[in-house]
Amino acid sequence: MSLNQTISCPVCSSPIAYNVMQLIAGASFECKTCGAVIRIAPSSMNEVKNTYENYMSLKDNSNARKVNTFDINEFIEVVDKV
């Protein structure tokens, strides 16, 4: 998985570029089209961090069992709309 990803803006559906590690660290990212700012909802931060850490520890293990994944959209919130 690349650390640089895009997500559809929840306001206007334009792509918002983000970095996984920065997002998990609490950074926010702005939509270049409408100015909406997104981040991981604080109430979801621990769940996202734990899931990401589990994924990273299992991804290179050839004996790893299949794990459930999640859609980052479930944890994103719009924090500002200019």
PDB file of N, CA and C in Angstrom:
ATOM      1  N   MET A   1       0.850  -1.173   0.000  1.00  0.00           N
ATOM      2  CA  MET A   1       0.000   0.000   0.000  1.00  0.00           C
ATOM      3  C   MET A   1       0.895   1.235   0.000  1.00  0.00           C
ATOM      4  N   SER A   2       0.610   2.115  -0.916  1.00  0.00           N
ATOM      5  CA  SER A   2       1.342   3.369  -0.976  1.00  0.00           C
ATOM      6  C   SER A   2       0.909   4.259   0.179  1.00  0.00           C
ATOM      7  N   LEU A   3       1.851   5.026   0.717  1.00  0.00           N
ATOM      8  CA  LEU A   3       1.503   5.944   1.798  1.00  0.00           C
ATOM      9  C   LEU A   3       0.725   7.146   1.281  1.00  0.00           C
ATOM     10  N   ASN A   4       0.870   7.460  -0.008  1.00  0.00           N
ATOM     11  CA  ASN A   4       0.143   8.576  -0.599  1.00  0.00           C
ATOM     12  C   ASN A   4      -1.084   8.029  -1.309  1.00  0.00           C
ATOM     13  N   GLN A   5      -2.242   8.535  -0.922  1.00  0.00           N
ATOM     14  CA  GLN A   5      -3.522   8.047  -1.422  1.00  0.00           C
ATOM     15  C   GLN A   5      -4.403   9.228  -1.791  1.00  0.00           C
ATOM     16  N   THR A   6      -5.553   8.940  -2.372  1.00  0.00           N
ATOM     17  CA  THR A   6      -6.585   9.959  -2.560  1.00  0.00           C
ATOM     18  C   THR A   6      -7.899   9.413  -2.021  1.00  0.00           C
ATOM     19  N   ILE A   7      -8.744  10.313  -1.611  1.00  0.00           N
ATOM     20  CA  ILE A   7     -10.075   9.992  -1.122  1.00  0.00           C
ATOM     21  C   ILE A   7     -11.030  10.989  -1.752  1.00  0.00           C
ATOM     22  N   SER A   8     -12.246  10.559  -2.030  1.00  0.00           N
ATOM     23  CA  SER A   8     -13.244  11.487  -2.565  1.00  0.00           C
ATOM     24  C   SER A   8     -13.699  12.436  -1.468  1.00  0.00           C
ATOM     25  N   CYS A   9     -13.726  13.703  -1.790  1.00  0.00           N
ATOM     26  CA  CYS A   9     -14.198  14.709  -0.838  1.00  0.00           C
ATOM     27  C   CYS A   9     -15.649  14.406  -0.477  1.00  0.00           C
ATOM     28  N   PRO A  10     -15.974  14.359   0.816  1.00  0.00           N
ATOM     29  CA  PRO A  10     -17.353  14.093   1.216  1.00  0.00           C
ATOM     30  C   PRO A  10     -18.316  15.237   0.882  1.00  0.00           C
ATOM     31  N   VAL A  11     -17.780  16.398   0.505  1.00  0.00           N
ATOM     32  CA  VAL A  11     -18.629  17.543   0.173  1.00  0.00           C
ATOM     33  C   VAL A  11     -18.870  17.645  -1.338  1.00  0.00           C
ATOM     34  N   CYS A  12     -17.793  17.591  -2.134  1.00  0.00           N
ATOM     35  CA  CYS A  12     -17.929  17.824  -3.581  1.00  0.00           C
ATOM     36  C   CYS A  12     -17.472  16.645  -4.445  1.00  0.00           C
ATOM     37  N   SER A  13     -16.945  15.595  -3.843  1.00  0.00           N
ATOM     38  CA  SER A  13     -16.497  14.372  -4.533  1.00  0.00           C
ATOM     39  C   SER A  13     -15.199  14.525  -5.324  1.00  0.00           C
ATOM     40  N   SER A  14     -14.540  15.666  -5.246  1.00  0.00           N
ATOM     41  CA  SER A  14     -13.232  15.810  -5.890  1.00  0.00           C
ATOM     42  C   SER A  14     -12.203  14.994  -5.110  1.00  0.00           C
ATOM     43  N   PRO A  15     -11.118  14.569  -5.757  1.00  0.00           N
ATOM     44  CA  PRO A  15     -10.106  13.807  -5.018  1.00  0.00           C
ATOM     45  C   PRO A  15      -9.314  14.692  -4.059  1.00  0.00           C
ATOM     46  N   ILE A  16      -9.104  14.191  -2.851  1.00  0.00           N
ATOM     47  CA  ILE A  16      -8.259  14.858  -1.865  1.00  0.00           C
ATOM     48  C   ILE A  16      -7.049  13.964  -1.654  1.00  0.00           C
ATOM     49  N   ALA A  17      -5.864  14.500  -1.911  1.00  0.00           N
ATOM     50  CA  ALA A  17      -4.628  13.742  -1.691  1.00  0.00           C
ATOM     51  C   ALA A  17      -4.303  13.757  -0.206  1.00  0.00           C
ATOM     52  N   TYR A  18      -3.877  12.604   0.312  1.00  0.00           N
ATOM     53  CA  TYR A  18      -3.473  12.516   1.713  1.00  0.00           C
ATOM     54  C   TYR A  18      -2.379  11.485   1.863  1.00  0.00           C
ATOM     55  N   ASN A  19      -1.660  11.568   2.950  1.00  0.00           N
ATOM     56  CA  ASN A  19      -0.618  10.610   3.296  1.00  0.00           C
ATOM     57  C   ASN A  19      -1.120   9.806   4.483  1.00  0.00           C
ATOM     58  N   VAL A  20      -1.103   8.481   4.364  1.00  0.00           N
ATOM     59  CA  VAL A  20      -1.653   7.600   5.395  1.00  0.00           C
ATOM     60  C   VAL A  20      -1.028   7.874   6.757  1.00  0.00           C
ATOM     61  N   MET A  21       0.280   7.932   6.828  1.00  0.00           N
ATOM     62  CA  MET A  21       0.947   8.112   8.116  1.00  0.00           C
ATOM     63  C   MET A  21       0.612   9.469   8.731  1.00  0.00           C
ATOM     64  N   GLN A  22       0.544  10.498   7.908  1.00  0.00           N
ATOM     65  CA  GLN A  22       0.185  11.822   8.421  1.00  0.00           C
ATOM     66  C   GLN A  22      -1.264  11.853   8.885  1.00  0.00           C
ATOM     67  N   LEU A  23      -2.149  11.184   8.141  1.00  0.00           N
ATOM     68  CA  LEU A  23      -3.557  11.122   8.532  1.00  0.00           C
ATOM     69  C   LEU A  23      -3.712  10.419   9.871  1.00  0.00           C
ATOM     70  N   ILE A  24      -3.018   9.298  10.037  1.00  0.00           N
ATOM     71  CA  ILE A  24      -3.081   8.545  11.286  1.00  0.00           C
ATOM     72  C   ILE A  24      -2.463   9.339  12.438  1.00  0.00           C
ATOM     73  N   ALA A  25      -1.497  10.196  12.114  1.00  0.00           N
ATOM     74  CA  ALA A  25      -0.872  11.020  13.152  1.00  0.00           C
ATOM     75  C   ALA A  25      -1.737  12.221  13.542  1.00  0.00           C
ATOM     76  N   GLY A  26      -2.864  12.410  12.853  1.00  0.00           N
ATOM     77  CA  GLY A  26      -3.768  13.488  13.222  1.00  0.00           C
ATOM     78  C   GLY A  26      -3.808  14.665  12.269  1.00  0.00           C
ATOM     79  N   ALA A  27      -3.070  14.584  11.160  1.00  0.00           N
ATOM     80  CA  ALA A  27      -3.067  15.687  10.196  1.00  0.00           C
ATOM     81  C   ALA A  27      -4.422  15.793   9.506  1.00  0.00           C
ATOM     82  N   SER A  28      -4.715  16.969   9.001  1.00  0.00           N
ATOM     83  CA  SER A  28      -5.912  17.178   8.206  1.00  0.00           C
ATOM     84  C   SER A  28      -5.482  17.547   6.786  1.00  0.00           C
ATOM     85  N   PHE A  29      -6.386  17.339   5.840  1.00  0.00           N
ATOM     86  CA  PHE A  29      -6.086  17.584   4.435  1.00  0.00           C
ATOM     87  C   PHE A  29      -7.238  18.350   3.809  1.00  0.00           C
ATOM     88  N   GLU A  30      -6.898  19.290   2.914  1.00  0.00           N
ATOM     89  CA  GLU A  30      -7.886  20.189   2.328  1.00  0.00           C
ATOM     90  C   GLU A  30      -8.222  19.800   0.899  1.00  0.00           C
ATOM     91  N   CYS A  31      -9.502  19.885   0.566  1.00  0.00           N
ATOM     92  CA  CYS A  31      -9.959  19.705  -0.806  1.00  0.00           C
ATOM     93  C   CYS A  31      -9.575  20.956  -1.591  1.00  0.00           C
ATOM     94  N   LYS A  32      -8.865  20.778  -2.672  1.00  0.00           N
ATOM     95  CA  LYS A  32      -8.424  21.918  -3.481  1.00  0.00           C
ATOM     96  C   LYS A  32      -9.582  22.543  -4.253  1.00  0.00           C
ATOM     97  N   THR A  33     -10.691  21.828  -4.393  1.00  0.00           N
ATOM     98  CA  THR A  33     -11.831  22.337  -5.144  1.00  0.00           C
ATOM     99  C   THR A  33     -12.777  23.175  -4.286  1.00  0.00           C
ATOM    100  N   CYS A  34     -13.212  22.629  -3.146  1.00  0.00           N
ATOM    101  CA  CYS A  34     -14.230  23.333  -2.351  1.00  0.00           C
ATOM    102  C   CYS A  34     -13.713  23.862  -1.016  1.00  0.00           C
ATOM    103  N   GLY A  35     -12.492  23.463  -0.614  1.00  0.00           N
ATOM    104  CA  GLY A  35     -11.922  23.965   0.631  1.00  0.00           C
ATOM    105  C   GLY A  35     -12.297  23.181   1.875  1.00  0.00           C
ATOM    106  N   ALA A  36     -13.068  22.103   1.723  1.00  0.00           N
ATOM    107  CA  ALA A  36     -13.410  21.283   2.891  1.00  0.00           C
ATOM    108  C   ALA A  36     -12.133  20.671   3.463  1.00  0.00           C
ATOM    109  N   VAL A  37     -12.048  20.587   4.763  1.00  0.00           N
ATOM    110  CA  VAL A  37     -10.889  20.012   5.432  1.00  0.00           C
ATOM    111  C   VAL A  37     -11.344  18.724   6.110  1.00  0.00           C
ATOM    112  N   ILE A  38     -10.602  17.640   5.857  1.00  0.00           N
ATOM    113  CA  ILE A  38     -10.954  16.355   6.444  1.00  0.00           C
ATOM    114  C   ILE A  38      -9.859  15.871   7.371  1.00  0.00           C
ATOM    115  N   ARG A  39     -10.239  14.999   8.284  1.00  0.00           N
ATOM    116  CA  ARG A  39      -9.299  14.322   9.172  1.00  0.00           C
ATOM    117  C   ARG A  39      -9.999  13.074   9.690  1.00  0.00           C
ATOM    118  N   ILE A  40      -9.270  12.245  10.393  1.00  0.00           N
ATOM    119  CA  ILE A  40      -9.895  11.113  11.061  1.00  0.00           C
ATOM    120  C   ILE A  40     -10.602  11.655  12.292  1.00  0.00           C
ATOM    121  N   ALA A  41     -11.833  11.238  12.484  1.00  0.00           N
ATOM    122  CA  ALA A  41     -12.585  11.669  13.651  1.00  0.00           C
ATOM    123  C   ALA A  41     -11.834  11.247  14.909  1.00  0.00           C
ATOM    124  N   PRO A  42     -11.654  12.141  15.878  1.00  0.00           N
ATOM    125  CA  PRO A  42     -10.923  11.798  17.097  1.00  0.00           C
ATOM    126  C   PRO A  42     -11.454  10.544  17.788  1.00  0.00           C
ATOM    127  N   SER A  43     -12.757  10.336  17.742  1.00  0.00           N
ATOM    128  CA  SER A  43     -13.329   9.152  18.388  1.00  0.00           C
ATOM    129  C   SER A  43     -12.945   7.849  17.680  1.00  0.00           C
ATOM    130  N   SER A  44     -12.458   7.941  16.442  1.00  0.00           N
ATOM    131  CA  SER A  44     -12.065   6.753  15.679  1.00  0.00           C
ATOM    132  C   SER A  44     -10.559   6.547  15.609  1.00  0.00           C
ATOM    133  N   MET A  45      -9.786   7.501  16.117  1.00  0.00           N
ATOM    134  CA  MET A  45      -8.335   7.479  15.948  1.00  0.00           C
ATOM    135  C   MET A  45      -7.696   6.182  16.440  1.00  0.00           C
ATOM    136  N   ASN A  46      -8.026   5.717  17.636  1.00  0.00           N
ATOM    137  CA  ASN A  46      -7.408   4.495  18.153  1.00  0.00           C
ATOM    138  C   ASN A  46      -7.752   3.288  17.301  1.00  0.00           C
ATOM    139  N   GLU A  47      -8.991   3.191  16.857  1.00  0.00           N
ATOM    140  CA  GLU A  47      -9.399   2.062  16.025  1.00  0.00           C
ATOM    141  C   GLU A  47      -8.642   2.056  14.700  1.00  0.00           C
ATOM    142  N   VAL A  48      -8.497   3.214  14.088  1.00  0.00           N
ATOM    143  CA  VAL A  48      -7.770   3.314  12.823  1.00  0.00           C
ATOM    144  C   VAL A  48      -6.298   2.954  13.026  1.00  0.00           C
ATOM    145  N   LYS A  49      -5.673   3.494  14.065  1.00  0.00           N
ATOM    146  CA  LYS A  49      -4.267   3.187  14.337  1.00  0.00           C
ATOM    147  C   LYS A  49      -4.069   1.696  14.566  1.00  0.00           C
ATOM    148  N   ASN A  50      -4.916   1.084  15.377  1.00  0.00           N
ATOM    149  CA  ASN A  50      -4.778  -0.345  15.664  1.00  0.00           C
ATOM    150  C   ASN A  50      -4.973  -1.196  14.417  1.00  0.00           C
ATOM    151  N   THR A  51      -5.958  -0.856  13.617  1.00  0.00           N
ATOM    152  CA  THR A  51      -6.214  -1.605  12.389  1.00  0.00           C
ATOM    153  C   THR A  51      -5.041  -1.475  11.429  1.00  0.00           C
ATOM    154  N   TYR A  52      -4.508  -0.274  11.280  1.00  0.00           N
ATOM    155  CA  TYR A  52      -3.377  -0.064  10.384  1.00  0.00           C
ATOM    156  C   TYR A  52      -2.146  -0.832  10.877  1.00  0.00           C
ATOM    157  N   GLU A  53      -1.870  -0.776  12.159  1.00  0.00           N
ATOM    158  CA  GLU A  53      -0.725  -1.504  12.710  1.00  0.00           C
ATOM    159  C   GLU A  53      -0.885  -3.008  12.517  1.00  0.00           C
ATOM    160  N   ASN A  54      -2.087  -3.535  12.727  1.00  0.00           N
ATOM    161  CA  ASN A  54      -2.333  -4.958  12.503  1.00  0.00           C
ATOM    162  C   ASN A  54      -2.139  -5.325  11.038  1.00  0.00           C
ATOM    163  N   TYR A  55      -2.629  -4.492  10.157  1.00  0.00           N
ATOM    164  CA  TYR A  55      -2.461  -4.720   8.721  1.00  0.00           C
ATOM    165  C   TYR A  55      -0.987  -4.766   8.355  1.00  0.00           C
ATOM    166  N   MET A  56      -0.228  -3.784   8.826  1.00  0.00           N
ATOM    167  CA  MET A  56       1.195  -3.726   8.485  1.00  0.00           C
ATOM    168  C   MET A  56       1.955  -4.935   9.027  1.00  0.00           C
ATOM    169  N   SER A  57       1.592  -5.407  10.206  1.00  0.00           N
ATOM    170  CA  SER A  57       2.303  -6.548  10.778  1.00  0.00           C
ATOM    171  C   SER A  57       1.952  -7.850  10.057  1.00  0.00           C
ATOM    172  N   LEU A  58       0.796  -7.912   9.437  1.00  0.00           N
ATOM    173  CA  LEU A  58       0.371  -9.138   8.759  1.00  0.00           C
ATOM    174  C   LEU A  58       0.648  -9.162   7.267  1.00  0.00           C
ATOM    175  N   LYS A  59       0.795  -8.013   6.636  1.00  0.00           N
ATOM    176  CA  LYS A  59       0.835  -7.966   5.176  1.00  0.00           C
ATOM    177  C   LYS A  59       1.992  -8.744   4.555  1.00  0.00           C
ATOM    178  N   ASP A  60       3.131  -8.823   5.210  1.00  0.00           N
ATOM    179  CA  ASP A  60       4.274  -9.527   4.651  1.00  0.00           C
ATOM    180  C   ASP A  60       4.411 -10.954   5.176  1.00  0.00           C
ATOM    181  N   ASN A  61       3.526 -11.355   6.039  1.00  0.00           N
ATOM    182  CA  ASN A  61       3.570 -12.691   6.623  1.00  0.00           C
ATOM    183  C   ASN A  61       2.830 -13.654   5.698  1.00  0.00           C
ATOM    184  N   SER A  62       3.561 -14.563   5.057  1.00  0.00           N
ATOM    185  CA  SER A  62       2.945 -15.483   4.098  1.00  0.00           C
ATOM    186  C   SER A  62       1.992 -16.459   4.773  1.00  0.00           C
ATOM    187  N   ASN A  63       2.111 -16.648   6.074  1.00  0.00           N
ATOM    188  CA  ASN A  63       1.222 -17.547   6.796  1.00  0.00           C
ATOM    189  C   ASN A  63       0.046 -16.808   7.437  1.00  0.00           C
ATOM    190  N   ALA A  64      -0.070 -15.528   7.170  1.00  0.00           N
ATOM    191  CA  ALA A  64      -1.120 -14.724   7.805  1.00  0.00           C
ATOM    192  C   ALA A  64      -2.490 -15.126   7.280  1.00  0.00           C
ATOM    193  N   ARG A  65      -3.449 -15.077   8.155  1.00  0.00           N
ATOM    194  CA  ARG A  65      -4.822 -15.351   7.761  1.00  0.00           C
ATOM    195  C   ARG A  65      -5.416 -14.097   7.138  1.00  0.00           C
ATOM    196  N   LYS A  66      -6.484 -14.290   6.408  1.00  0.00           N
ATOM    197  CA  LYS A  66      -7.167 -13.143   5.821  1.00  0.00           C
ATOM    198  C   LYS A  66      -7.747 -12.293   6.945  1.00  0.00           C
ATOM    199  N   VAL A  67      -7.583 -10.979   6.842  1.00  0.00           N
ATOM    200  CA  VAL A  67      -8.116 -10.079   7.856  1.00  0.00           C
ATOM    201  C   VAL A  67      -9.147  -9.157   7.218  1.00  0.00           C
ATOM    202  N   ASN A  68     -10.068  -8.709   8.033  1.00  0.00           N
ATOM    203  CA  ASN A  68     -11.048  -7.745   7.555  1.00  0.00           C
ATOM    204  C   ASN A  68     -10.363  -6.414   7.331  1.00  0.00           C
ATOM    205  N   THR A  69     -10.747  -5.743   6.289  1.00  0.00           N
ATOM    206  CA  THR A  69     -10.225  -4.410   6.020  1.00  0.00           C
ATOM    207  C   THR A  69     -11.351  -3.406   6.258  1.00  0.00           C
ATOM    208  N   PHE A  70     -11.019  -2.150   6.171  1.00  0.00           N
ATOM    209  CA  PHE A  70     -12.036  -1.127   6.357  1.00  0.00           C
ATOM    210  C   PHE A  70     -11.855  -0.063   5.300  1.00  0.00           C
ATOM    211  N   ASP A  71     -12.884   0.691   5.093  1.00  0.00           N
ATOM    212  CA  ASP A  71     -12.856   1.811   4.172  1.00  0.00           C
ATOM    213  C   ASP A  71     -12.589   3.067   4.994  1.00  0.00           C
ATOM    214  N   ILE A  72     -11.521   3.782   4.673  1.00  0.00           N
ATOM    215  CA  ILE A  72     -11.138   4.958   5.450  1.00  0.00           C
ATOM    216  C   ILE A  72     -12.275   5.977   5.508  1.00  0.00           C
ATOM    217  N   ASN A  73     -13.174   5.949   4.512  1.00  0.00           N
ATOM    218  CA  ASN A  73     -14.310   6.879   4.516  1.00  0.00           C
ATOM    219  C   ASN A  73     -15.168   6.732   5.762  1.00  0.00           C
ATOM    220  N   GLU A  74     -15.160   5.551   6.370  1.00  0.00           N
ATOM    221  CA  GLU A  74     -15.945   5.328   7.582  1.00  0.00           C
ATOM    222  C   GLU A  74     -15.455   6.194   8.745  1.00  0.00           C
ATOM    223  N   PHE A  75     -14.213   6.627   8.692  1.00  0.00           N
ATOM    224  CA  PHE A  75     -13.595   7.312   9.827  1.00  0.00           C
ATOM    225  C   PHE A  75     -13.283   8.776   9.572  1.00  0.00           C
ATOM    226  N   ILE A  76     -13.570   9.240   8.372  1.00  0.00           N
ATOM    227  CA  ILE A  76     -13.250  10.623   8.000  1.00  0.00           C
ATOM    228  C   ILE A  76     -14.393  11.545   8.406  1.00  0.00           C
ATOM    229  N   GLU A  77     -14.038  12.713   8.879  1.00  0.00           N
ATOM    230  CA  GLU A  77     -15.038  13.741   9.145  1.00  0.00           C
ATOM    231  C   GLU A  77     -14.609  15.036   8.477  1.00  0.00           C
ATOM    232  N   VAL A  78     -15.559  15.841   8.096  1.00  0.00           N
ATOM    233  CA  VAL A  78     -15.280  17.174   7.561  1.00  0.00           C
ATOM    234  C   VAL A  78     -15.184  18.095   8.761  1.00  0.00           C
ATOM    235  N   VAL A  79     -14.048  18.780   8.906  1.00  0.00           N
ATOM    236  CA  VAL A  79     -13.846  19.638  10.064  1.00  0.00           C
ATOM    237  C   VAL A  79     -14.010  21.119   9.739  1.00  0.00           C
ATOM    238  N   ASP A  80     -14.018  21.449   8.451  1.00  0.00           N
ATOM    239  CA  ASP A  80     -14.154  22.849   8.094  1.00  0.00           C
ATOM    240  C   ASP A  80     -14.590  22.940   6.657  1.00  0.00           C
ATOM    241  N   LYS A  81     -15.396  23.901   6.351  1.00  0.00           N
ATOM    242  CA  LYS A  81     -15.802  24.188   4.979  1.00  0.00           C
ATOM    243  C   LYS A  81     -15.702  25.680   4.790  1.00  0.00           C
ATOM    244  N   VAL A  82     -14.730  26.082   3.968  1.00  0.00           N
ATOM    245  CA  VAL A  82     -14.488  27.499   3.734  1.00  0.00           C
ATOM    246  C   VAL A  82     -15.548  28.074   2.831  1.00  0.00           C
TER     247      VAL A  82
END
